């Protein structure tokens, strides 16, 4: 999803690049976090822009999309805000409409830290700490922000489960500190374990990467070691990976100044 977000939503050739437009596109895509939903919206509405946003038009397009299948990704929970609408997607459209009316793009584009962006997002109804952190990271991939990803981290439910499985019950309540330790001391432990870690052309593991790694540990261990319990006690995974074709060349935010992704596939 992140690959699509960067290449087809945030940095898409010809797409308007004002803060309003990039933030609108990013939050709209991440609300549903499903490529098919975005493409169905484009098919119905044409170019996705805040300038052409009309609630009724977007609601009708989402209603049609929902009649064809799921419009939300199963990647993580998206609790509906309560704006009095009958459908979850209508309430999410109202939330996005409110964020834009509040001038959120202008506010976060002036933020001096990732934590400030997080604070600006988490104050909105139904956006909890984990989702606000994910949104802040996603927005930081875009041209709107250029903040330090290693400033702070919020461990999500999956990462907390993965950390519990790695370090036991004493890790409860200090998950963020454990993630920070892993990132800060990664080179020391690679050397200690004689691991030749293959970084992204010199870009080391960041906090968001380590958070995601622990989440993946939890998923894999539910299958490989179902007897080891995390905090949630979950022992099943939502879906299994099924290869669907050749892996595309990885895309990175241009501001990272990384070479072509051909070297990593």
C-alpha atoms as a PDB file:
ATOM      1  CA  UNK A   1       0.000   0.000   0.000  1.00  0.00           C
ATOM      2  CA  UNK A   2       2.812   2.391   0.836  1.00  0.00           C
ATOM      3  CA  UNK A   3       4.400   1.827  -2.574  1.00  0.00           C
ATOM      4  CA  UNK A   4       1.132   2.780  -4.264  1.00  0.00           C
ATOM      5  CA  UNK A   5       0.648   5.743  -1.930  1.00  0.00           C
ATOM      6  CA  UNK A   6       4.042   7.205  -2.823  1.00  0.00           C
ATOM      7  CA  UNK A   7       4.056   6.555  -6.560  1.00  0.00           C
ATOM      8  CA  UNK A   8       0.382   6.891  -7.512  1.00  0.00           C
ATOM      9  CA  UNK A   9      -1.095   9.216  -4.895  1.00  0.00           C
ATOM     10  CA  UNK A  10       1.540  11.572  -3.470  1.00  0.00           C
ATOM     11  CA  UNK A  11       4.058  11.951  -6.314  1.00  0.00           C
ATOM     12  CA  UNK A  12       1.814  11.080  -9.241  1.00  0.00           C
ATOM     13  CA  UNK A  13       2.869  12.867 -12.424  1.00  0.00           C
ATOM     14  CA  UNK A  14       0.577  15.779 -13.165  1.00  0.00           C
ATOM     15  CA  UNK A  15      -1.224  15.690  -9.807  1.00  0.00           C
ATOM     16  CA  UNK A  16      -1.571  19.048  -7.989  1.00  0.00           C
ATOM     17  CA  UNK A  17       1.217  19.421  -5.417  1.00  0.00           C
ATOM     18  CA  UNK A  18      -0.124  22.042  -3.005  1.00  0.00           C
ATOM     19  CA  UNK A  19      -0.288  21.087   0.673  1.00  0.00           C
ATOM     20  CA  UNK A  20      -4.100  20.993   0.508  1.00  0.00           C
ATOM     21  CA  UNK A  21      -4.125  18.567  -2.387  1.00  0.00           C
ATOM     22  CA  UNK A  22      -1.385  16.231  -1.135  1.00  0.00           C
ATOM     23  CA  UNK A  23      -2.819  15.990   2.375  1.00  0.00           C
ATOM     24  CA  UNK A  24      -6.317  15.432   1.004  1.00  0.00           C
ATOM     25  CA  UNK A  25      -5.192  12.682  -1.365  1.00  0.00           C
ATOM     26  CA  UNK A  26      -3.038  11.020   1.295  1.00  0.00           C
ATOM     27  CA  UNK A  27      -5.738  10.965   3.970  1.00  0.00           C
ATOM     28  CA  UNK A  28      -8.426   9.855   1.527  1.00  0.00           C
ATOM     29  CA  UNK A  29      -6.292   6.969   0.279  1.00  0.00           C
ATOM     30  CA  UNK A  30      -5.189   5.920   3.772  1.00  0.00           C
ATOM     31  CA  UNK A  31      -8.728   6.032   5.153  1.00  0.00           C
ATOM     32  CA  UNK A  32      -9.637   3.081   2.943  1.00  0.00           C
ATOM     33  CA  UNK A  33      -6.067   1.865   2.333  1.00  0.00           C
ATOM     34  CA  UNK A  34      -7.238  -0.171  -0.618  1.00  0.00           C
ATOM     35  CA  UNK A  35      -5.940   0.274  -4.162  1.00  0.00           C
ATOM     36  CA  UNK A  36      -9.146  -0.942  -5.780  1.00  0.00           C
ATOM     37  CA  UNK A  37     -11.167   1.669  -3.873  1.00  0.00           C
ATOM     38  CA  UNK A  38      -8.884   4.486  -5.038  1.00  0.00           C
ATOM     39  CA  UNK A  39      -9.020   3.296  -8.633  1.00  0.00           C
ATOM     40  CA  UNK A  40     -12.799   2.949  -8.517  1.00  0.00           C
ATOM     41  CA  UNK A  41     -13.016   6.521  -7.240  1.00  0.00           C
ATOM     42  CA  UNK A  42     -10.780   7.712 -10.063  1.00  0.00           C
ATOM     43  CA  UNK A  43     -12.891   5.801 -12.563  1.00  0.00           C
ATOM     44  CA  UNK A  44     -16.046   7.502 -11.331  1.00  0.00           C
ATOM     45  CA  UNK A  45     -14.726  10.977 -10.506  1.00  0.00           C
ATOM     46  CA  UNK A  46     -11.642  11.500 -12.644  1.00  0.00           C
ATOM     47  CA  UNK A  47      -8.678  13.264 -11.033  1.00  0.00           C
ATOM     48  CA  UNK A  48      -8.936  13.091  -7.222  1.00  0.00           C
ATOM     49  CA  UNK A  49      -8.527  16.637  -5.885  1.00  0.00           C
ATOM     50  CA  UNK A  50      -9.733  18.694  -2.951  1.00  0.00           C
ATOM     51  CA  UNK A  51     -10.693  21.414  -5.426  1.00  0.00           C
ATOM     52  CA  UNK A  52     -13.281  19.121  -7.018  1.00  0.00           C
ATOM     53  CA  UNK A  53     -14.490  17.532  -3.788  1.00  0.00           C
ATOM     54  CA  UNK A  54     -18.236  17.380  -3.388  1.00  0.00           C
ATOM     55  CA  UNK A  55     -19.571  15.177  -0.617  1.00  0.00           C
ATOM     56  CA  UNK A  56     -22.478  13.840  -2.654  1.00  0.00           C
ATOM     57  CA  UNK A  57     -20.265  12.930  -5.618  1.00  0.00           C
ATOM     58  CA  UNK A  58     -17.709  11.083  -3.491  1.00  0.00           C
ATOM     59  CA  UNK A  59     -20.450   9.427  -1.447  1.00  0.00           C
ATOM     60  CA  UNK A  60     -22.132   8.137  -4.610  1.00  0.00           C
ATOM     61  CA  UNK A  61     -18.821   6.797  -5.949  1.00  0.00           C
ATOM     62  CA  UNK A  62     -18.081   5.008  -2.665  1.00  0.00           C
ATOM     63  CA  UNK A  63     -21.616   3.639  -2.514  1.00  0.00           C
ATOM     64  CA  UNK A  64     -21.150   2.121  -5.951  1.00  0.00           C
ATOM     65  CA  UNK A  65     -17.726   0.748  -5.016  1.00  0.00           C
ATOM     66  CA  UNK A  66     -19.119  -0.816  -1.835  1.00  0.00           C
ATOM     67  CA  UNK A  67     -21.758  -2.629  -3.871  1.00  0.00           C
ATOM     68  CA  UNK A  68     -18.969  -4.385  -5.771  1.00  0.00           C
ATOM     69  CA  UNK A  69     -16.965  -5.578  -2.761  1.00  0.00           C
ATOM     70  CA  UNK A  70     -14.989  -4.409   0.277  1.00  0.00           C
ATOM     71  CA  UNK A  71     -13.798  -0.795   0.168  1.00  0.00           C
ATOM     72  CA  UNK A  72     -11.665  -0.906   3.343  1.00  0.00           C
ATOM     73  CA  UNK A  73      -8.389  -2.755   3.745  1.00  0.00           C
ATOM     74  CA  UNK A  74      -8.083  -5.357   6.477  1.00  0.00           C
ATOM     75  CA  UNK A  75      -4.580  -4.097   7.348  1.00  0.00           C
ATOM     76  CA  UNK A  76      -5.741  -2.386  10.527  1.00  0.00           C
ATOM     77  CA  UNK A  77      -8.900  -1.308  12.283  1.00  0.00           C
ATOM     78  CA  UNK A  78     -10.606   1.848  11.034  1.00  0.00           C
ATOM     79  CA  UNK A  79     -13.205   2.790  13.656  1.00  0.00           C
ATOM     80  CA  UNK A  80     -15.938   5.033  12.257  1.00  0.00           C
ATOM     81  CA  UNK A  81     -16.268   8.592  13.552  1.00  0.00           C
ATOM     82  CA  UNK A  82     -19.733   9.583  14.718  1.00  0.00           C
ATOM     83  CA  UNK A  83     -21.138  12.321  12.517  1.00  0.00           C
ATOM     84  CA  UNK A  84     -24.658  10.950  12.333  1.00  0.00           C
ATOM     85  CA  UNK A  85     -24.327   9.310   8.929  1.00  0.00           C
ATOM     86  CA  UNK A  86     -25.824   5.880   8.331  1.00  0.00           C
ATOM     87  CA  UNK A  87     -22.759   4.398   6.604  1.00  0.00           C
ATOM     88  CA  UNK A  88     -19.188   4.105   7.856  1.00  0.00           C
ATOM     89  CA  UNK A  89     -17.726   5.540   4.651  1.00  0.00           C
ATOM     90  CA  UNK A  90     -20.080   8.531   4.831  1.00  0.00           C
ATOM     91  CA  UNK A  91     -18.834   9.297   8.358  1.00  0.00           C
ATOM     92  CA  UNK A  92     -15.243   9.039   7.164  1.00  0.00           C
ATOM     93  CA  UNK A  93     -15.980  11.457   4.350  1.00  0.00           C
ATOM     94  CA  UNK A  94     -17.426  13.875   6.927  1.00  0.00           C
ATOM     95  CA  UNK A  95     -14.261  13.523   9.005  1.00  0.00           C
ATOM     96  CA  UNK A  96     -12.055  14.268   6.013  1.00  0.00           C
ATOM     97  CA  UNK A  97     -14.277  17.214   5.102  1.00  0.00           C
ATOM     98  CA  UNK A  98     -13.874  18.557   8.661  1.00  0.00           C
ATOM     99  CA  UNK A  99     -10.086  18.162   8.618  1.00  0.00           C
ATOM    100  CA  UNK A 100      -9.846  20.130   5.405  1.00  0.00           C
ATOM    101  CA  UNK A 101     -12.274  22.800   6.621  1.00  0.00           C
ATOM    102  CA  UNK A 102     -10.133  23.148   9.767  1.00  0.00           C
ATOM    103  CA  UNK A 103      -7.118  23.977   7.598  1.00  0.00           C
ATOM    104  CA  UNK A 104      -5.241  20.872   8.719  1.00  0.00           C
ATOM    105  CA  UNK A 105      -2.883  20.851   5.687  1.00  0.00           C
ATOM    106  CA  UNK A 106      -1.640  24.342   6.477  1.00  0.00           C
ATOM    107  CA  UNK A 107      -1.270  23.515  10.161  1.00  0.00           C
ATOM    108  CA  UNK A 108       0.803  20.369   9.697  1.00  0.00           C
ATOM    109  CA  UNK A 109       2.898  21.837   6.887  1.00  0.00           C
ATOM    110  CA  UNK A 110       4.225  24.337   9.463  1.00  0.00           C
ATOM    111  CA  UNK A 111       4.951  21.649  12.094  1.00  0.00           C
ATOM    112  CA  UNK A 112       8.508  21.523  13.402  1.00  0.00           C
ATOM    113  CA  UNK A 113       8.343  17.919  14.567  1.00  0.00           C
ATOM    114  CA  UNK A 114       6.673  14.629  13.742  1.00  0.00           C
ATOM    115  CA  UNK A 115       5.201  14.603  17.236  1.00  0.00           C
ATOM    116  CA  UNK A 116       3.446  17.895  16.495  1.00  0.00           C
ATOM    117  CA  UNK A 117       1.890  16.386  13.356  1.00  0.00           C
ATOM    118  CA  UNK A 118       0.818  13.431  15.502  1.00  0.00           C
ATOM    119  CA  UNK A 119      -0.768  15.800  18.040  1.00  0.00           C
ATOM    120  CA  UNK A 120      -2.601  17.674  15.273  1.00  0.00           C
ATOM    121  CA  UNK A 121      -4.072  14.387  13.988  1.00  0.00           C
ATOM    122  CA  UNK A 122      -4.912  12.574  17.216  1.00  0.00           C
ATOM    123  CA  UNK A 123      -7.282  15.307  18.341  1.00  0.00           C
ATOM    124  CA  UNK A 124      -9.791  14.239  15.680  1.00  0.00           C
ATOM    125  CA  UNK A 125     -12.633  11.889  16.513  1.00  0.00           C
ATOM    126  CA  UNK A 126     -11.895   8.163  15.926  1.00  0.00           C
ATOM    127  CA  UNK A 127      -8.190   8.748  15.247  1.00  0.00           C
ATOM    128  CA  UNK A 128      -6.359   7.030  18.075  1.00  0.00           C
ATOM    129  CA  UNK A 129      -2.615   7.134  18.819  1.00  0.00           C
ATOM    130  CA  UNK A 130      -1.623   4.274  16.501  1.00  0.00           C
ATOM    131  CA  UNK A 131      -3.598   5.589  13.518  1.00  0.00           C
ATOM    132  CA  UNK A 132      -2.390   9.163  14.108  1.00  0.00           C
ATOM    133  CA  UNK A 133       1.205   7.918  14.132  1.00  0.00           C
ATOM    134  CA  UNK A 134       0.692   5.945  10.911  1.00  0.00           C
ATOM    135  CA  UNK A 135      -0.857   8.992   9.229  1.00  0.00           C
ATOM    136  CA  UNK A 136       2.012  11.197  10.392  1.00  0.00           C
ATOM    137  CA  UNK A 137       4.554   8.772   8.902  1.00  0.00           C
ATOM    138  CA  UNK A 138       2.596   8.538   5.642  1.00  0.00           C
ATOM    139  CA  UNK A 139       2.357  12.319   5.338  1.00  0.00           C
ATOM    140  CA  UNK A 140       6.077  12.578   6.027  1.00  0.00           C
ATOM    141  CA  UNK A 141       6.766  10.558   2.860  1.00  0.00           C
ATOM    142  CA  UNK A 142       5.178  13.370   0.862  1.00  0.00           C
ATOM    143  CA  UNK A 143       6.664  16.711  -0.260  1.00  0.00           C
ATOM    144  CA  UNK A 144       4.601  18.484   2.428  1.00  0.00           C
ATOM    145  CA  UNK A 145       6.823  17.395   5.338  1.00  0.00           C
ATOM    146  CA  UNK A 146      10.481  16.651   5.891  1.00  0.00           C
ATOM    147  CA  UNK A 147      10.694  15.682   9.560  1.00  0.00           C
ATOM    148  CA  UNK A 148      12.831  13.243  11.533  1.00  0.00           C
ATOM    149  CA  UNK A 149      11.258   9.759  11.463  1.00  0.00           C
ATOM    150  CA  UNK A 150      13.379   8.740  14.426  1.00  0.00           C
ATOM    151  CA  UNK A 151      11.944  11.390  16.714  1.00  0.00           C
ATOM    152  CA  UNK A 152       9.408   9.111  18.382  1.00  0.00           C
ATOM    153  CA  UNK A 153       7.386   5.949  17.808  1.00  0.00           C
ATOM    154  CA  UNK A 154       3.985   4.576  18.768  1.00  0.00           C
ATOM    155  CA  UNK A 155       3.806   0.785  19.032  1.00  0.00           C
ATOM    156  CA  UNK A 156       0.619  -0.614  17.558  1.00  0.00           C
ATOM    157  CA  UNK A 157      -1.271  -3.662  18.862  1.00  0.00           C
ATOM    158  CA  UNK A 158       0.548  -6.059  16.533  1.00  0.00           C
ATOM    159  CA  UNK A 159       3.966  -4.682  17.451  1.00  0.00           C
ATOM    160  CA  UNK A 160       3.141  -4.957  21.155  1.00  0.00           C
ATOM    161  CA  UNK A 161       2.216  -8.607  20.642  1.00  0.00           C
ATOM    162  CA  UNK A 162       5.445  -9.223  18.719  1.00  0.00           C
ATOM    163  CA  UNK A 163       7.531  -7.553  21.410  1.00  0.00           C
ATOM    164  CA  UNK A 164       5.813  -9.612  24.124  1.00  0.00           C
ATOM    165  CA  UNK A 165       6.657 -12.791  22.196  1.00  0.00           C
ATOM    166  CA  UNK A 166      10.303 -11.732  21.866  1.00  0.00           C
ATOM    167  CA  UNK A 167      10.940 -10.323  25.340  1.00  0.00           C
ATOM    168  CA  UNK A 168       8.223 -11.651  27.634  1.00  0.00           C
ATOM    169  CA  UNK A 169       5.786  -9.979  29.991  1.00  0.00           C
ATOM    170  CA  UNK A 170       8.362  -7.552  31.419  1.00  0.00           C
ATOM    171  CA  UNK A 171       8.170  -5.657  28.124  1.00  0.00           C
ATOM    172  CA  UNK A 172       4.656  -4.433  28.932  1.00  0.00           C
ATOM    173  CA  UNK A 173       4.458  -0.652  28.984  1.00  0.00           C
ATOM    174  CA  UNK A 174       7.947  -0.053  27.557  1.00  0.00           C
ATOM    175  CA  UNK A 175       7.349  -1.168  23.970  1.00  0.00           C
ATOM    176  CA  UNK A 176       8.331   2.196  22.491  1.00  0.00           C
ATOM    177  CA  UNK A 177      11.570   2.191  24.488  1.00  0.00           C
ATOM    178  CA  UNK A 178      12.374  -1.309  23.210  1.00  0.00           C
ATOM    179  CA  UNK A 179      11.827  -0.212  19.603  1.00  0.00           C
ATOM    180  CA  UNK A 180      14.050   2.835  20.183  1.00  0.00           C
ATOM    181  CA  UNK A 181      16.750   0.607  21.695  1.00  0.00           C
ATOM    182  CA  UNK A 182      16.653  -1.752  18.710  1.00  0.00           C
ATOM    183  CA  UNK A 183      17.113   1.124  16.280  1.00  0.00           C
ATOM    184  CA  UNK A 184      19.782   2.947  18.291  1.00  0.00           C
ATOM    185  CA  UNK A 185      21.896  -0.180  18.813  1.00  0.00           C
ATOM    186  CA  UNK A 186      21.210  -2.009  15.551  1.00  0.00           C
ATOM    187  CA  UNK A 187      24.801  -1.797  14.268  1.00  0.00           C
ATOM    188  CA  UNK A 188      26.240  -3.078  17.562  1.00  0.00           C
ATOM    189  CA  UNK A 189      24.030  -6.149  17.464  1.00  0.00           C
ATOM    190  CA  UNK A 190      24.599  -6.821  13.771  1.00  0.00           C
ATOM    191  CA  UNK A 191      28.307  -6.940  14.548  1.00  0.00           C
ATOM    192  CA  UNK A 192      27.805  -9.021  17.687  1.00  0.00           C
ATOM    193  CA  UNK A 193      25.798 -11.604  15.758  1.00  0.00           C
ATOM    194  CA  UNK A 194      27.991 -11.403  12.624  1.00  0.00           C
ATOM    195  CA  UNK A 195      25.010 -10.342  10.532  1.00  0.00           C
ATOM    196  CA  UNK A 196      25.723  -8.660   7.216  1.00  0.00           C
ATOM    197  CA  UNK A 197      22.621  -6.467   7.196  1.00  0.00           C
ATOM    198  CA  UNK A 198      21.719  -5.233   3.729  1.00  0.00           C
ATOM    199  CA  UNK A 199      20.405  -1.702   4.212  1.00  0.00           C
ATOM    200  CA  UNK A 200      18.634   0.467   1.660  1.00  0.00           C
ATOM    201  CA  UNK A 201      21.758   1.890   0.083  1.00  0.00           C
ATOM    202  CA  UNK A 202      23.049   3.005   3.470  1.00  0.00           C
ATOM    203  CA  UNK A 203      19.689   3.946   4.982  1.00  0.00           C
ATOM    204  CA  UNK A 204      19.501   2.080   8.325  1.00  0.00           C
ATOM    205  CA  UNK A 205      16.414   0.722  10.060  1.00  0.00           C
ATOM    206  CA  UNK A 206      14.225   3.550  11.367  1.00  0.00           C
ATOM    207  CA  UNK A 207      11.688   3.485  14.198  1.00  0.00           C
ATOM    208  CA  UNK A 208       8.732   2.862  11.879  1.00  0.00           C
ATOM    209  CA  UNK A 209      10.621  -0.035  10.281  1.00  0.00           C
ATOM    210  CA  UNK A 210      11.316  -1.689  13.637  1.00  0.00           C
ATOM    211  CA  UNK A 211       7.694  -1.149  14.697  1.00  0.00           C
ATOM    212  CA  UNK A 212       6.596  -2.926  11.524  1.00  0.00           C
ATOM    213  CA  UNK A 213       9.122  -5.740  12.026  1.00  0.00           C
ATOM    214  CA  UNK A 214       7.687  -6.562  15.456  1.00  0.00           C
ATOM    215  CA  UNK A 215       4.195  -6.557  13.954  1.00  0.00           C
ATOM    216  CA  UNK A 216       5.336  -9.063  11.316  1.00  0.00           C
ATOM    217  CA  UNK A 217       6.990 -11.195  14.003  1.00  0.00           C
ATOM    218  CA  UNK A 218       3.604 -11.447  15.667  1.00  0.00           C
ATOM    219  CA  UNK A 219       1.878 -12.505  12.440  1.00  0.00           C
ATOM    220  CA  UNK A 220       4.418 -15.158  11.504  1.00  0.00           C
ATOM    221  CA  UNK A 221       4.589 -16.541  15.027  1.00  0.00           C
ATOM    222  CA  UNK A 222       0.836 -17.027  15.165  1.00  0.00           C
ATOM    223  CA  UNK A 223       1.314 -19.643  12.452  1.00  0.00           C
ATOM    224  CA  UNK A 224       4.744 -21.022  13.352  1.00  0.00           C
ATOM    225  CA  UNK A 225       4.406 -20.882  17.149  1.00  0.00           C
ATOM    226  CA  UNK A 226       0.699 -20.669  18.050  1.00  0.00           C
ATOM    227  CA  UNK A 227       1.524 -21.862  21.562  1.00  0.00           C
ATOM    228  CA  UNK A 228       3.353 -18.567  22.294  1.00  0.00           C
ATOM    229  CA  UNK A 229       0.802 -15.961  23.332  1.00  0.00           C
ATOM    230  CA  UNK A 230       1.051 -12.219  22.942  1.00  0.00           C
ATOM    231  CA  UNK A 231      -0.939  -9.587  24.816  1.00  0.00           C
ATOM    232  CA  UNK A 232      -4.066  -9.985  22.690  1.00  0.00           C
ATOM    233  CA  UNK A 233      -4.029 -13.772  22.701  1.00  0.00           C
ATOM    234  CA  UNK A 234      -4.685 -13.858  18.946  1.00  0.00           C
ATOM    235  CA  UNK A 235      -3.641 -17.137  17.330  1.00  0.00           C
ATOM    236  CA  UNK A 236      -4.943 -16.673  13.780  1.00  0.00           C
ATOM    237  CA  UNK A 237      -3.997 -14.296  10.969  1.00  0.00           C
ATOM    238  CA  UNK A 238      -6.529 -12.395   8.867  1.00  0.00           C
ATOM    239  CA  UNK A 239      -5.193 -13.569   5.540  1.00  0.00           C
ATOM    240  CA  UNK A 240      -2.298 -15.485   4.051  1.00  0.00           C
ATOM    241  CA  UNK A 241       0.019 -14.024   1.446  1.00  0.00           C
ATOM    242  CA  UNK A 242      -0.646 -15.268  -2.076  1.00  0.00           C
ATOM    243  CA  UNK A 243       1.862 -14.277  -4.794  1.00  0.00           C
ATOM    244  CA  UNK A 244       0.113 -12.377  -7.565  1.00  0.00           C
ATOM    245  CA  UNK A 245       2.895 -11.855 -10.085  1.00  0.00           C
ATOM    246  CA  UNK A 246       6.259 -10.230 -10.471  1.00  0.00           C
ATOM    247  CA  UNK A 247       7.387  -7.847  -7.726  1.00  0.00           C
ATOM    248  CA  UNK A 248       7.513  -4.236  -8.932  1.00  0.00           C
ATOM    249  CA  UNK A 249      10.666  -2.174  -8.600  1.00  0.00           C
ATOM    250  CA  UNK A 250      10.506  -0.484  -5.160  1.00  0.00           C
ATOM    251  CA  UNK A 251       9.705   3.235  -5.109  1.00  0.00           C
ATOM    252  CA  UNK A 252      11.041   5.589  -2.436  1.00  0.00           C
ATOM    253  CA  UNK A 253      10.289   9.240  -1.664  1.00  0.00           C
ATOM    254  CA  UNK A 254      12.573  11.274  -3.941  1.00  0.00           C
ATOM    255  CA  UNK A 255      13.816  13.298  -0.962  1.00  0.00           C
ATOM    256  CA  UNK A 256      15.478  10.150   0.434  1.00  0.00           C
ATOM    257  CA  UNK A 257      17.951  10.366  -2.445  1.00  0.00           C
ATOM    258  CA  UNK A 258      18.129   6.597  -2.835  1.00  0.00           C
ATOM    259  CA  UNK A 259      19.184   4.883  -6.020  1.00  0.00           C
ATOM    260  CA  UNK A 260      16.826   2.788  -8.116  1.00  0.00           C
ATOM    261  CA  UNK A 261      15.103  -0.003  -6.259  1.00  0.00           C
ATOM    262  CA  UNK A 262      16.394  -2.560  -8.793  1.00  0.00           C
ATOM    263  CA  UNK A 263      19.240  -3.352  -6.409  1.00  0.00           C
ATOM    264  CA  UNK A 264      16.831  -4.722  -3.774  1.00  0.00           C
ATOM    265  CA  UNK A 265      14.693  -7.136  -5.751  1.00  0.00           C
END
